């Protein structure tokens, strides 16, 4: 048996009643929590698990799946990822009622592992306030040296010196063409006509759909990924 330290160690866990084919995947992230708590002092916060436990007894599968030392957000995000992948809301064998209400969408979008401490440390500080004079000077020297090296490249110099193209005349010409009713009618008609020499679609061996040759490679990759996910649906995380 693994004994963990007394620091806060958020973790995800799996409970299972194999004889009833019922499962629950959860997360624990309270202050001072540890995987040692599971099913000793902590019995999940789910009311559905509590009801099922009263009716059918203790689960025969009690497993810590992944630990996140001092990383509450990482644990919550991992739980959400697993619940969404397993589609627990629409699968009756799971006791989970939601994909994860404990974490907001803004946290999901902005979270980057390993950058939380840096963001807190840098909050509200300018470049010179955050870095020491020596470090700031080194960064400026390195940036200047790198730019001078790039500037020697003729291609880079042309791109950096290139002015935005003036599109005023193109816009005027396009507006005039569109304001002409005959031109507009001909354009719409040409879009309605079927294309000549249209290549025959290729049948997909995986999903039995007919795909155009130009999109076949892209469809094949997506199709194989979907099949792989479908096959992994019954795996336990």
Protein backbone atom coordinates (compact mmCIF):
# COMPACT_ATOMS: atom_id res chain seq x y z
CA UNK A 1 0.00 0.00 0.00
CA UNK A 2 1.33 3.46 -0.93
CA UNK A 3 1.46 5.98 1.92
CA UNK A 4 1.46 9.60 0.76
CA UNK A 5 2.81 12.68 2.53
CA UNK A 6 0.54 15.00 4.50
CA UNK A 7 0.66 17.78 1.86
CA UNK A 8 -2.41 18.53 -0.25
CA UNK A 9 -2.53 15.92 -3.01
CA UNK A 10 -5.64 16.20 -5.20
CA UNK A 11 -6.43 12.97 -7.03
CA UNK A 12 -8.94 11.25 -9.27
CA UNK A 13 -10.44 7.89 -8.37
CA UNK A 14 -12.64 5.11 -9.71
CA UNK A 15 -15.36 3.21 -7.85
CA UNK A 16 -17.02 0.14 -9.27
CA UNK A 17 -19.69 -2.43 -8.45
CA UNK A 18 -18.74 -5.08 -11.00
CA UNK A 19 -21.67 -7.40 -10.25
CA UNK A 20 -24.07 -4.55 -11.12
CA UNK A 21 -21.83 -2.97 -13.81
CA UNK A 22 -22.07 0.43 -12.12
CA UNK A 23 -19.16 2.87 -11.98
CA UNK A 24 -18.24 6.30 -10.67
CA UNK A 25 -15.26 8.48 -11.59
CA UNK A 26 -14.54 11.39 -9.26
CA UNK A 27 -12.00 13.90 -8.01
CA UNK A 28 -10.88 14.96 -4.52
CA UNK A 29 -9.18 18.36 -4.10
CA UNK A 30 -9.97 19.63 -0.59
CA UNK A 31 -7.24 21.33 1.44
CA UNK A 32 -5.00 18.71 3.08
CA UNK A 33 -6.56 15.85 1.10
CA UNK A 34 -4.58 12.73 0.21
CA UNK A 35 -5.26 9.45 -1.62
CA UNK A 36 -4.95 7.79 1.81
CA UNK A 37 -8.39 9.29 2.64
CA UNK A 38 -10.26 7.35 -0.04
CA UNK A 39 -12.93 5.10 1.45
CA UNK A 40 -11.53 5.58 4.96
CA UNK A 41 -12.58 9.11 5.83
CA UNK A 42 -13.78 10.24 2.40
CA UNK A 43 -16.68 8.47 0.66
CA UNK A 44 -17.31 10.88 -2.27
CA UNK A 45 -19.68 13.84 -2.30
CA UNK A 46 -22.08 12.26 -4.80
CA UNK A 47 -25.60 11.66 -3.48
CA UNK A 48 -26.10 9.00 -6.18
CA UNK A 49 -23.10 7.02 -4.93
CA UNK A 50 -24.40 7.29 -1.34
CA UNK A 51 -27.84 5.96 -2.36
CA UNK A 52 -26.34 3.15 -4.43
CA UNK A 53 -24.02 2.21 -1.56
CA UNK A 54 -26.94 1.94 0.87
CA UNK A 55 -28.84 -0.32 -1.54
CA UNK A 56 -26.03 -2.59 -2.79
CA UNK A 57 -23.21 -2.26 -0.27
CA UNK A 58 -19.55 -1.35 -0.69
CA UNK A 59 -17.88 -1.18 -4.12
CA UNK A 60 -15.43 -3.96 -4.95
CA UNK A 61 -13.30 -1.58 -7.09
CA UNK A 62 -11.75 1.34 -5.16
CA UNK A 63 -8.85 2.70 -7.15
CA UNK A 64 -6.80 5.92 -7.15
CA UNK A 65 -6.24 6.68 -10.83
CA UNK A 66 -4.05 9.79 -10.96
CA UNK A 67 -2.51 12.19 -8.41
CA UNK A 68 -1.86 15.96 -8.78
CA UNK A 69 0.32 17.24 -5.89
CA UNK A 70 -0.68 20.84 -5.05
CA UNK A 71 -2.48 21.16 -8.40
CA UNK A 72 -6.23 21.48 -7.84
CA UNK A 73 -6.97 22.86 -11.32
CA UNK A 74 -5.04 20.08 -13.01
CA UNK A 75 -7.07 17.44 -11.13
CA UNK A 76 -10.38 19.10 -12.04
CA UNK A 77 -9.43 19.42 -15.68
CA UNK A 78 -8.33 15.79 -15.87
CA UNK A 79 -11.61 14.62 -14.35
CA UNK A 80 -13.56 16.71 -16.87
CA UNK A 81 -11.49 15.30 -19.75
CA UNK A 82 -12.17 11.70 -18.68
CA UNK A 83 -15.90 12.26 -18.05
CA UNK A 84 -16.36 13.88 -21.46
CA UNK A 85 -14.38 11.14 -23.20
CA UNK A 86 -16.44 8.42 -21.51
CA UNK A 87 -19.70 10.32 -22.20
CA UNK A 88 -20.88 9.45 -18.68
CA UNK A 89 -24.06 11.56 -18.84
CA UNK A 90 -25.53 9.41 -21.62
CA UNK A 91 -24.21 6.06 -20.39
CA UNK A 92 -26.47 4.36 -17.78
CA UNK A 93 -23.63 2.32 -16.26
CA UNK A 94 -22.07 5.50 -14.82
CA UNK A 95 -23.43 7.08 -11.64
CA UNK A 96 -21.95 10.48 -12.56
CA UNK A 97 -24.73 13.02 -13.08
CA UNK A 98 -22.58 15.75 -14.72
CA UNK A 99 -19.34 16.19 -16.64
CA UNK A 100 -18.01 18.46 -13.89
CA UNK A 101 -19.80 21.45 -12.36
CA UNK A 102 -16.87 22.37 -10.12
CA UNK A 103 -14.78 23.99 -12.86
CA UNK A 104 -15.74 27.04 -14.94
CA UNK A 105 -15.27 27.43 -18.69
CA UNK A 106 -12.88 30.35 -18.18
CA UNK A 107 -10.53 28.10 -16.17
CA UNK A 108 -10.67 25.43 -18.89
CA UNK A 109 -9.75 27.94 -21.60
CA UNK A 110 -6.97 29.79 -19.77
CA UNK A 111 -5.31 27.01 -17.78
CA UNK A 112 -1.79 25.99 -18.82
CA UNK A 113 0.02 23.45 -16.60
CA UNK A 114 3.12 24.86 -14.93
CA UNK A 115 2.30 28.53 -15.53
CA UNK A 116 0.00 29.18 -12.55
CA UNK A 117 2.82 30.16 -10.17
CA UNK A 118 4.41 32.41 -12.82
CA UNK A 119 1.12 34.18 -13.50
CA UNK A 120 0.58 34.86 -9.79
CA UNK A 121 4.15 36.09 -9.37
CA UNK A 122 4.00 38.41 -12.40
CA UNK A 123 0.48 39.78 -11.78
CA UNK A 124 0.38 43.58 -12.15
CA UNK A 125 4.13 43.96 -12.72
CA UNK A 126 5.95 45.51 -15.66
CA UNK A 127 8.91 43.88 -17.43
CA UNK A 128 11.46 45.90 -15.40
CA UNK A 129 9.61 45.36 -12.09
CA UNK A 130 9.47 41.58 -12.52
CA UNK A 131 13.06 41.07 -13.76
CA UNK A 132 16.21 42.24 -12.05
CA UNK A 133 18.31 44.87 -13.86
CA UNK A 134 20.90 42.27 -14.80
CA UNK A 135 18.32 39.80 -16.17
CA UNK A 136 16.45 42.53 -18.06
CA UNK A 137 19.68 43.73 -19.67
CA UNK A 138 20.59 40.17 -20.73
CA UNK A 139 17.15 39.66 -22.29
CA UNK A 140 17.41 42.94 -24.22
CA UNK A 141 20.91 42.10 -25.47
CA UNK A 142 19.83 38.63 -26.59
CA UNK A 143 16.74 39.98 -28.38
CA UNK A 144 18.76 42.69 -30.11
CA UNK A 145 21.42 40.18 -31.20
CA UNK A 146 18.80 37.77 -32.53
CA UNK A 147 17.06 40.52 -34.52
CA UNK A 148 20.36 41.70 -36.03
CA UNK A 149 21.07 38.10 -37.11
CA UNK A 150 17.64 37.82 -38.74
CA UNK A 151 18.03 41.21 -40.41
CA UNK A 152 21.02 39.91 -42.37
CA UNK A 153 18.68 37.50 -44.15
CA UNK A 154 17.38 39.19 -47.31
CA UNK A 155 14.04 37.33 -47.26
CA UNK A 156 13.33 38.40 -43.68
CA UNK A 157 14.35 41.98 -44.49
CA UNK A 158 11.99 42.14 -47.46
CA UNK A 159 9.06 40.79 -45.40
CA UNK A 160 9.74 43.19 -42.53
CA UNK A 161 10.04 46.18 -44.87
CA UNK A 162 7.08 45.27 -47.05
CA UNK A 163 4.21 47.75 -46.88
CA UNK A 164 0.57 46.59 -46.87
CA UNK A 165 -0.82 46.35 -50.38
CA UNK A 166 -3.27 49.08 -51.37
CA UNK A 167 -6.53 47.28 -52.22
CA UNK A 168 -8.65 50.39 -52.87
CA UNK A 169 -8.83 49.81 -56.64
CA UNK A 170 -9.71 46.12 -56.17
CA UNK A 171 -12.54 47.03 -53.81
CA UNK A 172 -13.91 49.62 -56.24
CA UNK A 173 -13.82 47.17 -59.14
CA UNK A 174 -15.52 44.43 -57.08
CA UNK A 175 -18.24 46.85 -55.94
CA UNK A 176 -18.88 47.98 -59.49
CA UNK A 177 -19.14 44.38 -60.72
CA UNK A 178 -21.57 43.46 -57.97
CA UNK A 179 -23.73 46.57 -58.55
CA UNK A 180 -24.16 45.50 -62.18
CA UNK A 181 -27.36 43.39 -62.16
CA UNK A 182 -26.38 41.41 -65.29
CA UNK A 183 -22.96 40.50 -63.88
CA UNK A 184 -24.51 39.51 -60.56
CA UNK A 185 -27.07 37.29 -62.30
CA UNK A 186 -24.40 35.54 -64.39
CA UNK A 187 -22.29 34.93 -61.29
CA UNK A 188 -25.20 33.34 -59.42
CA UNK A 189 -26.10 31.17 -62.40
CA UNK A 190 -22.53 29.95 -62.78
CA UNK A 191 -22.56 28.90 -59.11
CA UNK A 192 -25.82 26.97 -59.60
CA UNK A 193 -24.60 24.98 -62.63
CA UNK A 194 -23.13 21.55 -61.88
CA UNK A 195 -19.38 21.30 -62.37
CA UNK A 196 -18.21 19.47 -65.47
CA UNK A 197 -15.82 16.52 -65.16
CA UNK A 198 -16.57 16.22 -61.46
CA UNK A 199 -14.48 13.34 -60.03
CA UNK A 200 -16.32 10.32 -58.74
CA UNK A 201 -16.52 9.98 -54.94
CA UNK A 202 -14.44 7.34 -53.18
CA UNK A 203 -16.18 5.00 -50.70
CA UNK A 204 -14.68 4.95 -47.20
CA UNK A 205 -13.96 1.41 -45.95
CA UNK A 206 -14.44 2.45 -42.32
CA UNK A 207 -17.77 4.30 -42.29
CA UNK A 208 -19.12 3.34 -45.76
CA UNK A 209 -19.63 7.00 -46.74
CA UNK A 210 -18.78 8.37 -50.20
CA UNK A 211 -16.11 11.06 -50.02
CA UNK A 212 -14.78 13.38 -52.72
CA UNK A 213 -11.14 12.65 -53.70
CA UNK A 214 -9.96 16.09 -52.52
CA UNK A 215 -11.25 15.45 -48.98
CA UNK A 216 -10.56 11.73 -48.75
CA UNK A 217 -7.21 11.86 -46.90
CA UNK A 218 -8.54 14.34 -44.33
CA UNK A 219 -11.72 12.31 -43.82
CA UNK A 220 -9.72 9.09 -43.37
CA UNK A 221 -7.69 10.58 -40.50
CA UNK A 222 -10.81 11.87 -38.71
CA UNK A 223 -12.67 8.64 -39.34
CA UNK A 224 -9.87 6.51 -37.84
CA UNK A 225 -9.70 8.79 -34.78
CA UNK A 226 -13.45 8.42 -34.23
CA UNK A 227 -13.24 4.65 -34.52
CA UNK A 228 -10.33 4.59 -32.06
CA UNK A 229 -12.34 6.65 -29.56
CA UNK A 230 -15.34 4.38 -29.99
CA UNK A 231 -13.22 1.30 -29.28
CA UNK A 232 -11.75 2.95 -26.15
CA UNK A 233 -15.16 3.92 -24.83
CA UNK A 234 -15.38 0.92 -22.53
CA UNK A 235 -11.90 1.38 -21.08
CA UNK A 236 -11.68 2.61 -17.51
CA UNK A 237 -9.65 5.69 -16.67
